[in-house]
Protein backbone atom coordinates (compact mmCIF):
# COMPACT_ATOMS: atom_id res chain seq x y z
CA UNK A 1 87.91 129.31 38.01
CA UNK A 2 91.58 129.46 38.51
CA UNK A 3 94.62 128.84 36.44
CA UNK A 4 95.72 126.22 38.95
CA UNK A 5 99.03 124.55 37.96
CA UNK A 6 99.36 126.94 35.04
CA UNK A 7 96.34 125.55 33.21
CA UNK A 8 93.19 127.52 32.62
CA UNK A 9 89.91 126.46 34.11
CA UNK A 10 87.33 129.13 34.29
CA UNK A 11 84.07 130.09 35.85
CA UNK A 12 82.10 129.35 32.74
CA UNK A 13 80.96 127.26 35.36
CA UNK A 14 79.84 126.03 34.59
CA UNK A 15 76.90 128.10 35.72
CA UNK A 16 77.00 128.00 31.95
CA UNK A 17 79.16 125.10 30.93
CA UNK A 18 77.47 122.44 32.96
CA UNK A 19 74.29 124.43 33.23
CA UNK A 20 71.67 124.25 35.92
CA UNK A 21 68.51 122.31 36.54
CA UNK A 22 65.28 124.31 36.53
CA UNK A 23 67.10 127.22 38.18
CA UNK A 24 67.72 124.79 41.00
CA UNK A 25 64.03 123.97 41.36
CA UNK A 26 63.59 125.97 44.53
CA UNK A 27 64.56 129.37 43.19
CA UNK A 28 62.79 128.74 39.93
CA UNK A 29 59.51 128.15 41.68
CA UNK A 30 59.89 130.91 44.21
CA UNK A 31 61.01 133.66 41.88
CA UNK A 32 58.30 133.00 39.33
CA UNK A 33 55.66 133.49 41.97
CA UNK A 34 57.10 136.45 43.85
CA UNK A 35 54.73 139.33 44.19
CA UNK A 36 55.29 142.94 45.21
CA UNK A 37 56.51 143.70 48.72
CA UNK A 38 57.19 146.89 50.58
CA UNK A 39 60.77 146.65 49.26
CA UNK A 40 59.66 146.72 45.62
CA UNK A 41 61.26 149.36 43.43
CA UNK A 42 59.32 151.38 40.88
CA UNK A 43 61.49 152.42 37.92
CA UNK A 44 59.99 153.60 34.66
CA UNK A 45 59.22 150.94 32.01
CA UNK A 46 61.93 152.34 29.71
CA UNK A 47 64.53 152.22 32.47
CA UNK A 48 63.39 148.76 33.50
CA UNK A 49 63.80 147.40 29.96
CA UNK A 50 67.35 148.74 29.93
CA UNK A 51 68.31 147.58 33.40
CA UNK A 52 66.90 144.04 33.24
CA UNK A 53 69.63 142.50 31.01
CA UNK A 54 72.27 144.75 32.57
CA UNK A 55 71.12 143.75 36.04
CA UNK A 56 71.28 140.08 35.11
CA UNK A 57 74.84 140.45 33.80
CA UNK A 58 75.81 142.38 36.93
CA UNK A 59 74.41 139.65 39.17
CA UNK A 60 76.36 136.91 37.38
CA UNK A 61 79.54 138.99 37.33
CA UNK A 62 79.16 139.57 41.07
CA UNK A 63 78.87 135.84 41.76
CA UNK A 64 81.95 135.15 39.63
CA UNK A 65 83.85 137.97 41.37
CA UNK A 66 83.08 136.47 44.79
CA UNK A 67 84.18 133.01 43.61
CA UNK A 68 87.50 134.17 42.20
CA UNK A 69 88.10 136.38 45.24
CA UNK A 70 88.00 133.20 47.33
CA UNK A 71 90.89 131.73 45.33
CA UNK A 72 92.78 135.03 45.24
CA UNK A 73 92.52 135.93 48.93
CA UNK A 74 93.36 132.39 50.02
CA UNK A 75 96.52 132.49 47.91
CA UNK A 76 97.63 135.98 48.91
CA UNK A 77 96.98 135.34 52.61
CA UNK A 78 99.67 132.64 52.43
CA UNK A 79 102.07 134.71 50.31
CA UNK A 80 101.49 132.72 47.11
CA UNK A 81 102.34 134.58 43.90
CA UNK A 82 99.45 135.45 41.56
CA UNK A 83 99.94 136.42 37.92
CA UNK A 84 96.47 137.70 36.99
CA UNK A 85 93.04 138.21 38.53
CA UNK A 86 90.33 138.46 35.88
CA UNK A 87 86.60 139.05 36.02
CA UNK A 88 85.15 137.92 32.71
CA UNK A 89 86.77 136.10 29.82
CA UNK A 90 87.58 137.08 26.26
CA UNK A 91 89.12 140.39 25.12
CA UNK A 92 90.46 142.64 27.85
CA UNK A 93 88.40 145.82 28.27
CA UNK A 94 90.27 147.45 31.13
CA UNK A 95 92.75 146.69 33.85
CA UNK A 96 95.78 147.73 35.81
CA UNK A 97 98.96 146.21 37.22
CA UNK A 98 99.82 146.38 40.90
CA UNK A 99 103.18 145.64 42.49
CA UNK A 100 102.90 143.76 45.79
CA UNK A 101 105.18 143.57 48.81
CA UNK A 102 107.18 140.56 47.61
CA UNK A 103 108.20 142.45 44.46
CA UNK A 104 105.94 140.55 42.05
CA UNK A 105 103.25 142.14 39.90
CA UNK A 106 99.59 141.20 39.58
CA UNK A 107 97.44 142.08 36.57
CA UNK A 108 93.82 142.93 37.39
CA UNK A 109 91.61 142.60 34.31
CA UNK A 110 88.02 143.23 33.30
CA UNK A 111 87.15 141.20 30.20
CA UNK A 112 84.30 141.37 27.72
CA UNK A 113 82.28 138.25 28.61
CA UNK A 114 81.09 138.38 32.24
CA UNK A 115 80.10 134.70 32.39
CA UNK A 116 83.47 133.59 33.69
CA UNK A 117 86.66 134.59 35.40
CA UNK A 118 89.95 133.18 36.60
CA UNK A 119 92.97 133.56 38.84
CA UNK A 120 96.23 132.72 37.05
CA UNK A 121 99.29 131.49 38.92
CA UNK A 122 102.86 131.55 37.49
CA UNK A 123 104.31 128.28 36.19
CA UNK A 124 106.93 126.57 38.34
CA UNK A 125 109.11 125.62 35.36
CA UNK A 126 111.16 127.42 32.70
CA UNK A 127 108.68 127.67 29.84
CA UNK A 128 111.27 129.27 27.53
CA UNK A 129 113.73 126.41 28.07
CA UNK A 130 110.95 123.93 27.43
CA UNK A 131 110.16 125.67 24.16
CA UNK A 132 113.81 125.64 23.07
CA UNK A 133 114.23 121.96 23.93
CA UNK A 134 111.10 120.96 22.05
CA UNK A 135 112.11 123.07 19.06
CA UNK A 136 115.58 121.49 18.95
CA UNK A 137 114.15 117.98 19.18
CA UNK A 138 111.69 118.78 16.42
CA UNK A 139 114.40 120.12 14.12
CA UNK A 140 116.61 117.10 14.74
CA UNK A 141 113.72 114.79 13.97
CA UNK A 142 113.04 116.60 10.71
CA UNK A 143 116.68 116.36 9.77
CA UNK A 144 116.65 112.61 10.40
CA UNK A 145 113.61 112.23 8.14
CA UNK A 146 115.29 114.15 5.35
CA UNK A 147 118.38 111.99 5.68
CA UNK A 148 116.31 108.85 5.13
CA UNK A 149 115.19 110.18 1.72
CA UNK A 150 118.53 111.14 0.20
CA UNK A 151 121.39 109.12 -1.25
CA UNK A 152 124.47 108.08 0.68
CA UNK A 153 126.55 110.69 -1.19
CA UNK A 154 124.11 113.42 -0.26
CA UNK A 155 123.84 112.00 3.25
CA UNK A 156 127.54 112.64 3.83
CA UNK A 157 127.00 116.28 2.94
CA UNK A 158 124.01 116.49 5.25
CA UNK A 159 126.05 115.07 8.12
CA UNK A 160 128.59 117.85 7.63
CA UNK A 161 125.79 120.39 7.66
CA UNK A 162 124.38 118.93 10.85
CA UNK A 163 127.80 118.99 12.48
CA UNK A 164 128.25 122.61 11.47
CA UNK A 165 124.79 123.34 12.84
CA UNK A 166 125.65 121.67 16.14
CA UNK A 167 128.97 123.58 16.32
CA UNK A 168 127.65 127.02 15.47
CA UNK A 169 129.17 129.80 17.54
CA UNK A 170 127.64 130.95 20.79
CA UNK A 171 126.74 134.34 19.39
CA UNK A 172 124.34 132.69 16.96
CA UNK A 173 122.87 130.68 19.84
CA UNK A 174 122.34 133.86 21.84
CA UNK A 175 120.58 135.46 18.88
CA UNK A 176 118.29 132.43 18.60
CA UNK A 177 117.50 132.51 22.32
CA UNK A 178 116.82 136.25 22.12
CA UNK A 179 114.38 135.66 19.29
CA UNK A 180 112.60 132.97 21.30
CA UNK A 181 112.39 135.25 24.33
CA UNK A 182 110.84 137.97 22.16
CA UNK A 183 108.30 135.46 20.91
CA UNK A 184 107.50 134.58 24.52
CA UNK A 185 107.03 138.27 25.37
CA UNK A 186 104.70 138.64 22.38
CA UNK A 187 102.70 135.62 23.55
CA UNK A 188 102.44 137.23 26.99
CA UNK A 189 101.13 140.42 25.39
CA UNK A 190 98.54 138.41 23.48
CA UNK A 191 97.56 136.63 26.67
CA UNK A 192 96.66 139.93 28.26
CA UNK A 193 94.43 140.75 25.31
CA UNK A 194 92.62 137.41 25.14
CA UNK A 195 92.29 134.35 27.35
CA UNK A 196 92.41 131.80 24.51
CA UNK A 197 96.14 132.35 23.99
CA UNK A 198 96.80 131.43 27.63
CA UNK A 199 95.79 127.81 27.12
CA UNK A 200 98.68 125.40 27.48
CA UNK A 201 98.34 124.07 23.96
CA UNK A 202 98.42 127.63 22.53
CA UNK A 203 101.71 128.54 24.16
CA UNK A 204 103.69 126.64 21.55
CA UNK A 205 102.03 126.48 18.16
CA UNK A 206 105.07 124.84 16.57
CA UNK A 207 104.77 122.01 19.06
CA UNK A 208 101.23 121.31 17.85
CA UNK A 209 102.54 120.28 14.45
CA UNK A 210 105.30 117.94 15.56
CA UNK A 211 104.84 114.29 14.70
CA UNK A 212 106.28 111.27 16.48
CA UNK A 213 108.55 113.17 18.83
CA UNK A 214 110.88 111.04 20.94
CA UNK A 215 109.06 109.30 23.76
CA UNK A 216 111.76 110.24 26.27
CA UNK A 217 110.57 112.86 28.73
CA UNK A 218 112.07 116.30 28.19
CA UNK A 219 114.24 117.48 31.05
CA UNK A 220 113.23 120.99 32.01
CA UNK A 221 114.25 123.42 34.72
CA UNK A 222 111.91 123.67 37.71
CA UNK A 223 112.00 126.76 39.90
CA UNK A 224 112.43 126.40 43.65
CA UNK A 225 110.71 129.71 44.47
CA UNK A 226 108.64 129.01 47.62
CA UNK A 227 106.07 131.63 46.59
CA UNK A 228 104.95 129.57 43.59
CA UNK A 229 101.73 127.65 44.09
CA UNK A 230 103.15 124.34 42.88
CA UNK A 231 106.00 124.56 45.39
CA UNK A 232 103.66 124.84 48.36
CA UNK A 233 102.54 121.85 50.47
CA UNK A 234 99.47 120.01 49.23
CA UNK A 235 97.30 121.28 52.09
CA UNK A 236 97.97 124.93 51.20
CA UNK A 237 97.15 124.27 47.54
CA UNK A 238 93.94 122.56 48.65
CA UNK A 239 92.96 125.66 50.63
CA UNK A 240 93.44 127.82 47.52
CA UNK A 241 91.32 125.42 45.46
CA UNK A 242 88.37 125.30 47.86
CA UNK A 243 88.46 129.06 48.49
CA UNK A 244 86.09 129.83 45.61
CA UNK A 245 83.49 127.29 46.69
CA UNK A 246 83.65 128.47 50.31
CA UNK A 247 83.13 132.09 49.29
CA UNK A 248 80.10 131.17 47.16
CA UNK A 249 78.52 129.35 50.10
CA UNK A 250 79.31 132.30 52.38
CA UNK A 251 77.68 134.68 49.88
CA UNK A 252 74.44 132.69 49.94
CA UNK A 253 74.56 132.48 53.75
CA UNK A 254 75.15 136.24 54.07
CA UNK A 255 72.24 137.06 51.77
CA UNK A 256 69.86 134.78 53.67
CA UNK A 257 71.08 136.04 57.04
CA UNK A 258 70.52 139.64 55.94
CA UNK A 259 66.99 138.90 54.77
CA UNK A 260 66.20 137.13 58.04
CA UNK A 261 67.58 139.82 60.35
CA UNK A 262 67.50 143.27 58.74
CA UNK A 263 65.37 142.65 55.65
CA UNK A 264 61.65 142.16 55.22
CA UNK A 265 62.10 138.44 55.85
CA UNK A 266 63.14 135.37 53.91
CA UNK A 267 60.38 134.29 51.50
CA UNK A 268 59.38 130.66 52.03
CA UNK A 269 57.14 129.12 49.38
CA UNK A 270 54.24 127.00 50.52
CA UNK A 271 53.16 123.93 48.55
CA UNK A 272 50.45 121.33 48.94
CA UNK A 273 50.59 117.79 47.62
CA UNK A 274 49.54 117.36 44.04
CA UNK A 275 50.60 118.51 40.58
CA UNK A 276 48.54 121.32 39.06
CA UNK A 277 47.46 121.18 35.41
CA UNK A 278 48.46 124.73 34.50
CA UNK A 279 47.24 124.78 30.89
CA UNK A 280 44.20 123.30 29.18
CA UNK A 281 45.06 120.04 27.35
CA UNK A 282 45.49 120.31 23.60
CA UNK A 283 42.43 119.37 21.60
CA UNK A 284 44.25 116.45 19.94
CA UNK A 285 45.77 115.07 23.15
CA UNK A 286 44.61 111.97 25.07
CA UNK A 287 43.54 114.25 27.95
CA UNK A 288 41.23 116.46 25.88
CA UNK A 289 37.72 116.37 27.34
CA UNK A 290 38.94 114.25 30.25
CA UNK A 291 41.28 116.52 32.21
CA UNK A 292 41.04 120.29 32.45
CA UNK A 293 43.01 123.30 33.55
CA UNK A 294 43.06 123.61 37.34
CA UNK A 295 42.81 119.89 38.05
CA UNK A 296 45.22 118.63 40.70
CA UNK A 297 46.72 115.17 40.14
CA UNK A 298 47.43 113.40 43.43
CA UNK A 299 48.44 109.92 42.32
CA UNK A 300 48.67 107.37 39.55
CA UNK A 301 47.54 103.74 39.49
CA UNK A 302 46.55 103.80 43.14
CA UNK A 303 49.85 105.25 44.39
CA UNK A 304 50.13 108.71 45.92
CA UNK A 305 52.63 110.98 44.16
CA UNK A 306 53.58 112.76 47.38
CA UNK A 307 54.73 111.47 50.75
CA UNK A 308 53.85 114.72 52.54
CA UNK A 309 50.88 117.08 52.58
CA UNK A 310 53.30 120.04 52.66
CA UNK A 311 56.21 119.05 50.40
CA UNK A 312 59.28 121.19 49.81
CA UNK A 313 60.03 122.73 46.43
CA UNK A 314 62.52 119.97 45.63
CA UNK A 315 60.10 117.21 46.71
CA UNK A 316 57.41 118.77 44.54
CA UNK A 317 59.65 118.90 41.47
CA UNK A 318 60.94 115.39 42.13
CA UNK A 319 57.40 114.00 42.39
CA UNK A 320 56.40 115.65 39.11
CA UNK A 321 59.51 114.20 37.44
CA UNK A 322 58.63 110.71 38.70
CA UNK A 323 55.07 111.12 37.42
CA UNK A 324 56.37 112.05 33.96
CA UNK A 325 58.68 109.01 34.02
CA UNK A 326 55.70 106.74 34.65
CA UNK A 327 53.85 108.32 31.73
CA UNK A 328 56.83 107.78 29.44
CA UNK A 329 57.22 104.17 30.59
CA UNK A 330 53.61 103.29 29.72
CA UNK A 331 52.89 100.82 26.92
CA UNK A 332 50.84 101.76 23.87
CA UNK A 333 47.15 101.30 24.65
CA UNK A 334 47.74 101.05 28.40
CA UNK A 335 45.19 102.88 30.55
CA UNK A 336 46.51 104.91 33.48
CA UNK A 337 44.30 105.58 36.49
CA UNK A 338 44.83 109.13 37.74
CA UNK A 339 43.63 110.33 41.15
CA UNK A 340 42.38 113.89 40.55
CA UNK A 341 40.98 116.75 42.64
CA UNK A 342 38.69 118.98 40.58
CA UNK A 343 37.61 122.59 41.17
CA UNK A 344 39.56 122.80 44.40
CA UNK A 345 37.39 120.23 46.12
CA UNK A 346 38.73 119.03 49.47
CA UNK A 347 36.68 115.86 49.43
CA UNK A 348 37.70 112.51 48.02
CA UNK A 349 39.40 112.69 44.62
CA UNK A 350 37.94 111.11 41.51
CA UNK A 351 39.69 108.49 39.40
CA UNK A 352 40.09 109.34 35.71
CA UNK A 353 41.46 106.93 33.10
CA UNK A 354 43.81 108.25 30.41
CA UNK A 355 45.71 106.30 27.73
CA UNK A 356 49.05 107.88 26.70
CA UNK A 357 49.98 108.21 23.04
CA UNK A 358 53.38 108.45 21.39
CA UNK A 359 54.54 111.90 20.28
CA UNK A 360 56.53 112.74 17.16
CA UNK A 361 59.65 112.60 19.34
CA UNK A 362 58.84 108.99 20.24
CA UNK A 363 57.85 109.72 23.86
CA UNK A 364 54.64 108.61 25.52
CA UNK A 365 52.50 111.58 26.59
CA UNK A 366 49.02 112.49 27.82
CA UNK A 367 49.30 116.08 26.56
CA UNK A 368 49.20 118.14 29.75
CA UNK A 369 51.43 120.76 31.36
CA UNK A 370 52.11 120.37 35.08
CA UNK A 371 53.36 122.79 37.71
CA UNK A 372 53.82 122.61 41.50
CA UNK A 373 50.70 123.10 43.61
CA UNK A 374 51.90 126.48 44.87
CA UNK A 375 49.82 128.04 47.66
CA UNK A 376 51.71 131.25 48.37
CA UNK A 377 54.59 132.37 50.50
CA UNK A 378 55.34 133.57 53.98
CA UNK A 379 58.13 135.89 55.10
CA UNK A 380 60.25 134.23 57.76
CA UNK A 381 62.15 136.52 60.13
CA UNK A 382 64.74 135.75 62.77
CA UNK A 383 64.01 136.51 66.41
CA UNK A 384 67.70 136.97 67.25
CA UNK A 385 71.16 136.86 65.69
CA UNK A 386 71.58 133.26 66.79
CA UNK A 387 68.21 132.33 65.32
CA UNK A 388 69.22 134.05 62.08
CA UNK A 389 72.46 132.06 61.89
CA UNK A 390 70.61 128.77 62.43
CA UNK A 391 67.86 129.52 59.90
CA UNK A 392 70.27 130.86 57.28
CA UNK A 393 72.47 127.80 57.74
CA UNK A 394 69.51 125.45 57.29
CA UNK A 395 68.41 127.31 54.16
CA UNK A 396 71.88 127.16 52.60
CA UNK A 397 72.19 123.48 53.52
CA UNK A 398 68.82 122.70 51.95
CA UNK A 399 69.61 124.71 48.82
CA UNK A 400 73.02 123.04 48.45
CA UNK A 401 71.68 119.50 48.86
CA UNK A 402 68.80 120.14 46.44
CA UNK A 403 71.19 121.59 43.87
CA UNK A 404 73.63 118.69 44.24
CA UNK A 405 70.87 116.09 43.85
CA UNK A 406 69.54 117.84 40.75
CA UNK A 407 72.96 118.10 39.11
CA UNK A 408 73.99 114.53 39.95
CA UNK A 409 70.63 113.30 38.64
CA UNK A 410 71.24 115.19 35.42
CA UNK A 411 74.81 113.92 35.02
CA UNK A 412 73.75 110.37 35.82
CA UNK A 413 71.06 110.46 33.15
CA UNK A 414 73.41 111.95 30.55
CA UNK A 415 76.22 109.47 31.27
CA UNK A 416 73.85 106.50 31.15
CA UNK A 417 72.42 107.69 27.84
CA UNK A 418 68.92 108.32 29.18
CA UNK A 419 69.05 112.00 28.24
CA UNK A 420 67.73 114.86 30.33
CA UNK A 421 65.66 113.66 33.31
CA UNK A 422 61.90 114.08 33.02
CA UNK A 423 60.71 117.48 34.15
CA UNK A 424 64.20 118.99 34.18
CA UNK A 425 66.04 121.21 31.73
CA UNK A 426 69.59 122.38 31.12
CA UNK A 427 70.31 126.04 30.47
CA UNK A 428 73.40 127.65 29.02
CA UNK A 429 74.70 131.22 29.32
CA UNK A 430 71.77 132.80 27.48
CA UNK A 431 69.25 130.82 29.50
CA UNK A 432 70.86 131.94 32.75
CA UNK A 433 70.88 135.57 31.58
CA UNK A 434 67.23 135.27 30.54
CA UNK A 435 66.26 133.86 33.92
CA UNK A 436 68.21 136.61 35.65
CA UNK A 437 66.54 139.28 33.54
CA UNK A 438 63.11 137.82 34.36
CA UNK A 439 63.89 137.95 38.08
CA UNK A 440 65.31 141.48 37.91
CA UNK A 441 62.23 142.61 35.98
CA UNK A 442 60.04 141.81 39.00
CA UNK A 443 61.83 144.64 40.84
CA UNK A 444 61.48 142.47 43.95
CA UNK A 445 64.58 142.65 46.14
CA UNK A 446 63.73 139.32 47.75
CA UNK A 447 63.48 137.64 44.35
CA UNK A 448 66.85 139.02 43.25
CA UNK A 449 68.45 137.88 46.52
CA UNK A 450 67.00 134.41 46.03
CA UNK A 451 68.34 134.29 42.47
CA UNK A 452 71.85 135.41 43.50
CA UNK A 453 71.93 132.84 46.32
CA UNK A 454 70.77 130.05 44.00
CA UNK A 455 73.33 130.90 41.29
CA UNK A 456 76.10 131.21 43.88
CA UNK A 457 75.33 127.81 45.41
CA UNK A 458 74.95 126.31 41.93
CA UNK A 459 78.39 127.62 41.02
CA UNK A 460 79.84 126.13 44.20
CA UNK A 461 78.32 122.70 43.57
CA UNK A 462 79.34 122.57 39.91
CA UNK A 463 82.90 123.59 40.74
CA UNK A 464 83.08 120.87 43.36
CA UNK A 465 82.57 118.17 40.73
CA UNK A 466 85.71 116.00 40.30
CA UNK A 467 86.14 116.98 36.66
CA UNK A 468 89.39 118.33 35.18
CA UNK A 469 89.39 122.11 34.66
CA UNK A 470 87.06 122.50 37.65
CA UNK A 471 88.11 123.09 41.25
CA UNK A 472 87.03 119.58 42.22
CA UNK A 473 89.16 118.05 39.48
CA UNK A 474 92.21 120.06 40.54
CA UNK A 475 91.60 118.96 44.12
CA UNK A 476 91.77 115.33 42.94
CA UNK A 477 95.32 115.98 41.66
CA UNK A 478 96.30 117.51 45.00
CA UNK A 479 94.73 114.75 47.12
CA UNK A 480 96.37 112.13 44.89
CA UNK A 481 99.71 113.69 45.72
CA UNK A 482 98.84 113.67 49.43
CA UNK A 483 98.04 109.94 49.32
CA UNK A 484 100.85 108.73 47.04
CA UNK A 485 103.50 111.27 47.94
CA UNK A 486 104.17 111.84 44.23
CA UNK A 487 103.41 115.08 42.44
CA UNK A 488 101.73 114.82 39.04
CA UNK A 489 103.79 116.60 36.39
CA UNK A 490 102.43 120.09 35.85
CA UNK A 491 102.59 119.79 32.06
CA UNK A 492 100.38 116.69 32.16
CA UNK A 493 97.88 118.53 34.34
CA UNK A 494 97.87 121.41 31.85
CA UNK A 495 97.17 119.05 28.95
CA UNK A 496 94.34 117.32 30.82
CA UNK A 497 92.80 120.62 31.90
CA UNK A 498 93.03 122.10 28.42
CA UNK A 499 91.23 119.09 26.94
CA UNK A 500 88.55 119.23 29.62
CA UNK A 501 88.10 122.96 29.06
CA UNK A 502 87.45 122.35 25.37
CA UNK A 503 84.78 119.82 26.34
CA UNK A 504 83.15 122.30 28.73
CA UNK A 505 83.22 125.03 26.09
CA UNK A 506 81.60 122.66 23.60
CA UNK A 507 78.93 121.78 26.15
CA UNK A 508 78.37 125.46 26.84
CA UNK A 509 78.00 126.10 23.12
CA UNK A 510 75.47 123.27 22.85
CA UNK A 511 73.36 124.61 25.71
CA UNK A 512 73.55 128.09 24.17
CA UNK A 513 72.14 126.74 20.91
CA UNK A 514 69.37 125.11 22.94
CA UNK A 515 68.66 128.41 24.70
CA UNK A 516 68.35 130.19 21.36
CA UNK A 517 65.95 127.52 20.12
CA UNK A 518 63.74 127.92 23.19
CA UNK A 519 63.77 131.71 22.93
CA UNK A 520 62.87 131.57 19.24
CA UNK A 521 59.87 129.38 20.03
CA UNK A 522 58.76 131.76 22.78
CA UNK A 523 58.99 134.67 20.36
CA UNK A 524 56.61 133.14 17.85
């Protein structure tokens, strides 16, 4: 994301840091069932194996580029100064500096890890003066501590030393300030080579070690430059913040509109009610000899799982999740009555009784694997430009609402301590790359477009969450100022954002470990 208010919050986005739910359900189902179309490419197997991971990385980098361009263009269109525009995080691989009309310079960077990006805005306060003030307070505090541990005779000598220190000539002060400025320039050089050093709590390593500093707020110099983001009205800052989300939504809309009007058509999956048993039950499971591969479960205990004969992808996934919840909530020895269609029969379903058993993980299970009752797909085309706008808008709206419901369901379950919702999974950076590589490997343009649209909308929804270090969290600061009329101190925002970023990085690391575990199991 952006370095709004001088603090870093990045597009780890949280496609990776907060993850995604079943590739947003809809895209996950569609892409896994895409078949060849007249738009299918035919590269050699060797080239395909090389391009699949590279294509996945390119897709994610493109989505991040679009997101950050939203922040950047919104800021520059209003004459707001930008310090750096970066695609990727980590070590800087390449870049250039461009001088703009107002005389300022913007660094454009390409960094090693393409799973994030950011737009950095200059601080609106004198960071060097802040450093000097904090350093002086720290030294004075240390001197006071030393004075408490020496005798009165020695204390008199220390007081003379302190007075001489306070009365040192101005030339010595200038030398000290010059040294500090050189340190600041060195920190700036390090910032350009790695994003970690740009975090607010890395700017002043000496300050990290200070203990019990005076509680009085440090008076620092604030710049009145109207081109600085923090000196702009709250509504202009809000526009910059929402720019990334808006561009992600526009990307998805443009892709869908193109498929509907000039492409082969927008693939629409078709589902029927029921959950398909996609794999034969394990021989030691409660369903062995009772249920079989290909059976379609319609209901449980006399209640239909589906409210529609032609459910959407989200409704299908939601119904399967609710079915799994009922299985997990069963008591030991309880018999569940399943309404099942067998061998594709269209007549009345049969009722089969199954008693769940507890797994080694402590969850009740009947030992089956379920998937949506997928029937195929149709290619929807627009009859006119207006029809294309309407259909693309409806598709983006549906995708956005489904993604939001999935993510809020996940967050609600995690916050309440219930764990990951039944039938849903969280993926980190590696999981997203793996999904992207799988989609790219189909060589189906429609599948790739669906994946890009889903990731773009996912990124928009995640960044809209009111969490510090995300666009939504920064917007909370801005709206708070609009309501109260009081601006939150930028340094406090930086501290909050830095802490939140650490949390998101830790969450991203955890999901990455989970991805590696899943991949290792698949490789066995």
